[in-house]
Protein backbone atom coordinates (compact mmCIF):
# COMPACT_ATOMS: atom_id res chain seq x y z
CA MET A 1 -5.16 38.17 34.59
CA ASP A 2 -9.39 38.94 34.79
CA ILE A 3 -10.55 36.96 31.93
CA SER A 4 -14.28 38.00 32.42
CA LYS A 5 -13.12 41.64 31.91
CA ASP A 6 -11.14 40.66 28.51
CA LEU A 7 -14.10 38.33 27.39
CA ALA A 8 -16.81 41.27 28.13
CA GLN A 9 -14.07 43.71 25.83
CA THR A 10 -13.78 41.48 23.44
CA THR A 11 -17.55 40.90 23.06
CA PHE A 12 -17.74 44.53 22.95
CA ASN A 13 -15.29 45.29 20.17
CA ASN A 14 -16.77 42.64 18.24
CA ARG A 15 -20.33 43.76 18.31
CA GLU A 16 -19.07 47.46 17.42
CA TYR A 17 -17.19 46.55 14.66
CA LEU A 18 -19.32 43.86 13.44
CA ILE A 19 -17.22 41.10 13.55
CA THR A 20 -19.00 37.83 13.80
CA HIS A 21 -18.17 34.10 13.75
CA LEU A 22 -19.12 31.31 11.05
CA PRO A 23 -22.48 29.68 12.48
CA TYR A 24 -21.77 26.46 14.21
CA GLU A 25 -23.92 24.22 11.95
CA GLN A 26 -21.93 25.37 8.78
CA GLU A 27 -18.63 25.06 10.10
CA MET A 28 -19.48 21.62 11.11
CA GLU A 29 -20.87 20.88 7.82
CA PHE A 30 -17.87 21.88 6.16
CA TYR A 31 -15.62 19.46 8.78
CA GLN A 32 -18.22 16.43 8.18
CA ASN A 33 -17.99 16.84 4.18
CA ILE A 34 -13.92 16.41 4.84
CA LYS A 35 -15.09 13.63 6.78
CA MET A 36 -16.82 11.96 4.38
CA GLY A 37 -14.26 12.48 1.37
CA ASN A 38 -17.24 14.93 -0.60
CA ILE A 39 -14.95 17.12 -2.42
CA LYS A 40 -17.81 19.09 -4.35
CA GLU A 41 -19.51 19.67 -1.17
CA VAL A 42 -16.48 20.41 0.61
CA ARG A 43 -15.51 23.08 -2.21
CA ARG A 44 -18.98 24.78 -2.17
CA LEU A 45 -18.44 25.15 1.74
CA PHE A 46 -15.02 26.38 1.44
CA LYS A 47 -14.21 29.67 2.67
CA PRO A 48 -10.69 31.50 2.50
CA LEU A 49 -9.45 32.31 6.02
CA GLY A 50 -9.56 35.18 7.60
CA GLY A 51 -12.88 36.93 5.81
CA SER A 52 -16.23 37.39 6.88
CA GLY A 53 -17.31 35.00 10.05
CA PHE A 54 -13.33 34.86 11.49
CA GLY A 55 -12.94 36.08 14.81
CA ARG A 56 -9.46 38.26 15.41
CA LEU A 57 -7.09 36.13 17.23
CA SER A 58 -4.09 38.76 17.01
CA ASN A 59 -3.27 42.07 15.82
CA ASP A 60 -0.60 41.25 13.26
CA ASP A 61 -2.23 40.00 10.15
CA LEU A 62 0.01 37.25 9.24
CA ILE A 63 -0.08 35.72 12.83
CA ASN A 64 -4.13 35.74 12.62
CA LEU A 65 -4.36 33.85 9.68
CA LYS A 66 -1.49 31.39 11.09
CA TYR A 67 -3.37 30.88 14.41
CA HIS A 68 -6.97 30.30 12.37
CA LEU A 69 -4.83 27.84 10.08
CA VAL A 70 -3.61 25.43 13.03
CA ILE A 71 -7.08 25.39 14.46
CA THR A 72 -8.50 24.42 11.16
CA ILE A 73 -5.91 21.73 10.48
CA ALA A 74 -6.43 20.60 14.23
CA PHE A 75 -10.07 19.83 13.74
CA ILE A 76 -9.84 18.17 10.24
CA THR A 77 -7.13 15.93 11.41
CA ARG A 78 -9.36 14.84 14.19
CA TYR A 79 -12.41 14.73 12.18
CA CYS A 80 -10.45 12.44 9.62
CA ILE A 81 -9.11 10.16 12.52
CA GLU A 82 -12.89 9.65 13.58
CA GLY A 83 -13.73 8.94 9.64
CA GLY A 84 -10.92 6.06 9.58
CA LEU A 85 -7.98 7.62 8.51
CA GLU A 86 -5.25 6.32 10.33
CA MET A 87 -4.18 8.33 13.32
CA GLU A 88 -0.06 8.32 12.74
CA ILE A 89 -1.00 9.67 9.06
CA ALA A 90 -3.52 12.29 10.16
CA TYR A 91 -1.38 13.67 12.80
CA ASN A 92 2.29 13.28 10.83
CA LEU A 93 0.32 15.07 7.84
CA SER A 94 -0.79 17.75 10.64
CA ASP A 95 2.61 18.23 12.06
CA VAL A 96 3.85 18.38 7.87
CA TYR A 97 1.54 21.34 7.38
CA ILE A 98 2.03 23.22 10.53
CA MET A 99 5.79 23.20 10.20
CA ARG A 100 5.07 24.39 6.41
CA LEU A 101 2.81 27.15 7.97
CA ASP A 102 5.31 28.22 10.44
CA LYS A 103 7.79 29.03 7.74
CA CYS A 104 5.07 31.34 5.59
CA THR A 105 6.14 34.93 5.16
CA SER A 106 2.84 35.95 3.40
CA GLU A 107 -0.58 35.77 3.32
CA GLU A 108 -0.38 34.41 -0.31
CA GLU A 109 1.42 30.98 1.03
CA ILE A 110 -1.02 30.40 3.75
CA HIS A 111 -4.17 30.79 1.53
CA ALA A 112 -2.23 28.41 -0.66
CA ILE A 113 -1.63 25.61 2.08
CA HIS A 114 -4.90 26.02 3.72
CA ASN A 115 -6.14 25.03 -0.23
CA GLU A 116 -3.82 21.96 -0.18
CA ILE A 117 -4.99 21.08 3.10
CA VAL A 118 -8.64 20.57 2.49
CA GLU A 119 -7.89 19.30 -0.70
CA ASP A 120 -5.27 16.29 0.56
CA TYR A 121 -7.35 15.38 3.56
CA THR A 122 -10.28 15.11 2.00
CA SER A 123 -8.96 13.16 -1.29
CA ARG A 124 -7.95 10.83 1.57
CA MET A 125 -10.83 9.97 3.04
CA HIS A 126 -12.71 9.76 -0.32
CA ALA A 127 -10.22 7.24 -1.32
CA ILE A 128 -10.50 5.45 2.46
CA LEU A 129 -14.61 5.79 1.72
CA LYS A 130 -14.53 4.11 -1.56
CA LYS A 131 -12.76 1.05 -0.35
CA GLY A 132 -14.61 0.86 2.48
CA LEU A 133 -14.30 2.06 6.43
CA PHE A 134 -12.10 0.40 8.74
CA SER A 135 -14.06 -1.36 11.45
CA LYS A 136 -12.89 -0.65 14.83
CA PRO A 137 -10.74 -3.70 15.68
CA ILE A 138 -9.10 -2.66 12.79
CA LEU A 139 -8.27 0.78 13.18
CA VAL A 140 -6.66 -0.24 17.02
CA CYS A 141 -4.24 -2.61 14.91
CA LEU A 142 -3.50 0.18 12.36
CA ASP A 143 -2.63 2.35 15.05
CA MET A 144 -0.69 -0.05 17.14
CA ILE A 145 1.55 -0.68 14.41
CA TYR A 146 2.38 2.10 13.53
CA GLU A 147 3.17 3.09 17.25
CA ASN A 148 5.08 0.19 17.45
CA LEU A 149 7.32 -0.20 14.41
CA HIS A 150 10.39 -0.17 16.40
CA TYR A 151 9.56 -2.98 18.47
CA LYS A 152 8.65 -6.81 17.96
CA ILE A 153 4.57 -6.91 17.31
CA THR A 154 2.68 -9.97 17.81
CA LEU A 155 -0.42 -11.70 16.46
CA LYS A 156 -1.12 -12.46 20.07
CA ASP A 157 -0.57 -8.20 21.29
CA LEU A 158 -2.43 -7.36 18.80
CA SER A 159 -5.51 -9.72 18.89
CA LYS A 160 -5.13 -8.41 22.97
CA ARG A 161 -5.73 -4.93 21.97
CA ALA A 162 -8.20 -5.86 19.52
CA GLY A 163 -10.58 -7.52 21.71
CA LEU A 164 -10.29 -10.52 19.45
CA THR A 165 -9.19 -13.83 19.01
CA PRO A 166 -6.34 -14.24 16.82
CA GLN A 167 -7.60 -16.86 14.20
CA TYR A 168 -10.65 -13.88 13.78
CA LEU A 169 -8.44 -11.37 14.03
CA SER A 170 -6.20 -12.39 11.43
CA LYS A 171 -9.27 -13.19 9.10
CA LEU A 172 -10.72 -9.97 9.50
CA PHE A 173 -7.58 -7.98 8.60
CA HIS A 174 -6.99 -9.55 5.54
CA LYS A 175 -10.44 -8.83 4.28
CA GLU A 176 -10.44 -5.42 5.52
CA VAL A 177 -6.96 -4.62 4.42
CA GLY A 178 -6.50 -6.94 2.05
CA VAL A 179 -3.04 -8.26 3.15
CA THR A 180 -2.00 -10.47 6.23
CA ILE A 181 -0.73 -8.54 9.11
CA SER A 182 2.96 -9.61 8.47
CA GLN A 183 2.63 -8.21 5.14
CA TYR A 184 1.25 -4.77 6.28
CA ILE A 185 3.87 -4.46 9.03
CA ASN A 186 6.72 -5.20 6.39
CA GLN A 187 4.95 -2.58 4.21
CA LYS A 188 5.00 -0.28 7.01
CA ARG A 189 8.39 -1.01 8.09
CA ILE A 190 9.71 -0.18 4.16
CA GLU A 191 7.89 3.01 3.88
CA ALA A 192 9.82 4.08 7.13
CA ALA A 193 13.24 2.76 5.66
CA GLU A 194 12.64 4.74 3.04
CA ASN A 195 12.57 7.76 5.14
CA PHE A 196 15.53 6.88 6.76
CA LEU A 197 17.37 6.27 3.84
CA LYS A 198 16.52 9.70 1.71
CA PHE A 199 16.47 11.58 4.99
CA SER A 200 19.38 10.38 7.19
CA ASP A 201 22.62 9.13 7.45
CA TYR A 202 22.00 5.69 9.16
CA SER A 203 23.45 2.73 8.03
CA CYS A 204 21.66 -0.46 6.17
CA ILE A 205 22.09 -2.35 9.69
CA GLU A 206 20.83 0.25 11.84
CA ILE A 207 17.86 0.93 10.02
CA SER A 208 17.31 -3.00 10.28
CA ASN A 209 17.84 -3.57 13.36
CA TYR A 210 15.56 -0.24 14.43
CA LEU A 211 13.14 -1.58 12.68
CA CYS A 212 12.64 -5.09 14.37
CA PHE A 213 13.81 -7.14 11.06
CA SER A 214 15.42 -10.58 12.21
CA SER A 215 18.55 -9.77 9.79
CA GLU A 216 20.35 -7.40 7.56
CA SER A 217 20.00 -9.88 4.70
CA TYR A 218 16.41 -10.12 5.04
CA PHE A 219 15.49 -6.46 5.12
CA ILE A 220 17.37 -6.17 2.11
CA GLN A 221 15.04 -8.86 0.53
CA VAL A 222 11.91 -7.21 1.80
CA PHE A 223 13.25 -3.78 0.63
CA LYS A 224 13.89 -5.00 -2.53
CA ALA A 225 10.63 -7.42 -3.24
CA HIS A 226 8.79 -3.37 -2.30
CA THR A 227 10.58 -1.18 -4.07
CA LYS A 228 12.80 -3.01 -6.54
CA LEU A 229 15.71 -1.77 -5.12
CA THR A 230 18.32 -2.36 -2.82
CA PRO A 231 18.64 0.42 0.09
CA LYS A 232 22.03 0.94 -1.04
CA GLU A 233 20.76 1.51 -4.58
CA TYR A 234 17.59 3.42 -2.99
CA ARG A 235 19.77 5.73 -1.04
CA GLU A 236 22.09 6.44 -3.93
CA LYS A 237 19.28 7.29 -5.68
CA PHE A 238 17.08 9.38 -3.58
CA PHE A 239 19.33 10.45 -0.49
CA ARG A 240 17.60 13.95 0.17
CA THR A 241 16.84 14.63 -3.13
CA LYS A 242 13.11 15.88 -1.75
CA TRP A 243 15.10 17.79 1.09
CA GLY A 244 13.25 20.63 2.44
CA ASP A 245 10.35 19.64 0.10
């Protein structure tokens, strides 16, 4: 494939039909304001997909919009990670929205998802900045915890990854996150357990073992402390009630 020829043809066509792209500074200002959680400025700078300033990525109008939104999601996700949004939350959120986008059959649905994504990420960043940014060592720990919920996570391993002493890391973590490291790990494991109970057929003991609880009874105890329900009660109440949302 002669990429130079294709590039020349695209440049000619865009010039001929007055197709231009958004100014780089304006585009980066939009993403920067999402990163800063500035909803007022984000709404001011927001431009619907496919309008003036958007290049042509497909001859199919629907696919063209989908491609543009995937690119937008990728930029927003990475800007928000840089701004302090926990990496796994940012990427998982991105995956959820792209999967929803894949099912869209109309331009109206795509525009609605575009609006929702921008509002969602901006609101999350606003909440983070309102509490105060996490320092780099704490972000490293949060990412490591997310990546290893199904393994044993020790303070020694976290402190080594963060480059701090265990004692200092414990104090810093509690100061910035508001809970101890062990409390935070349990909280995230319970959140994962909730999803297993909602959307899978795994038994209580299988979930307990997978998420590295020391015993099924301890898992039930911690789960009830967080949700006010036992795993059995939680599954009976929520099993697949949001399936397909």
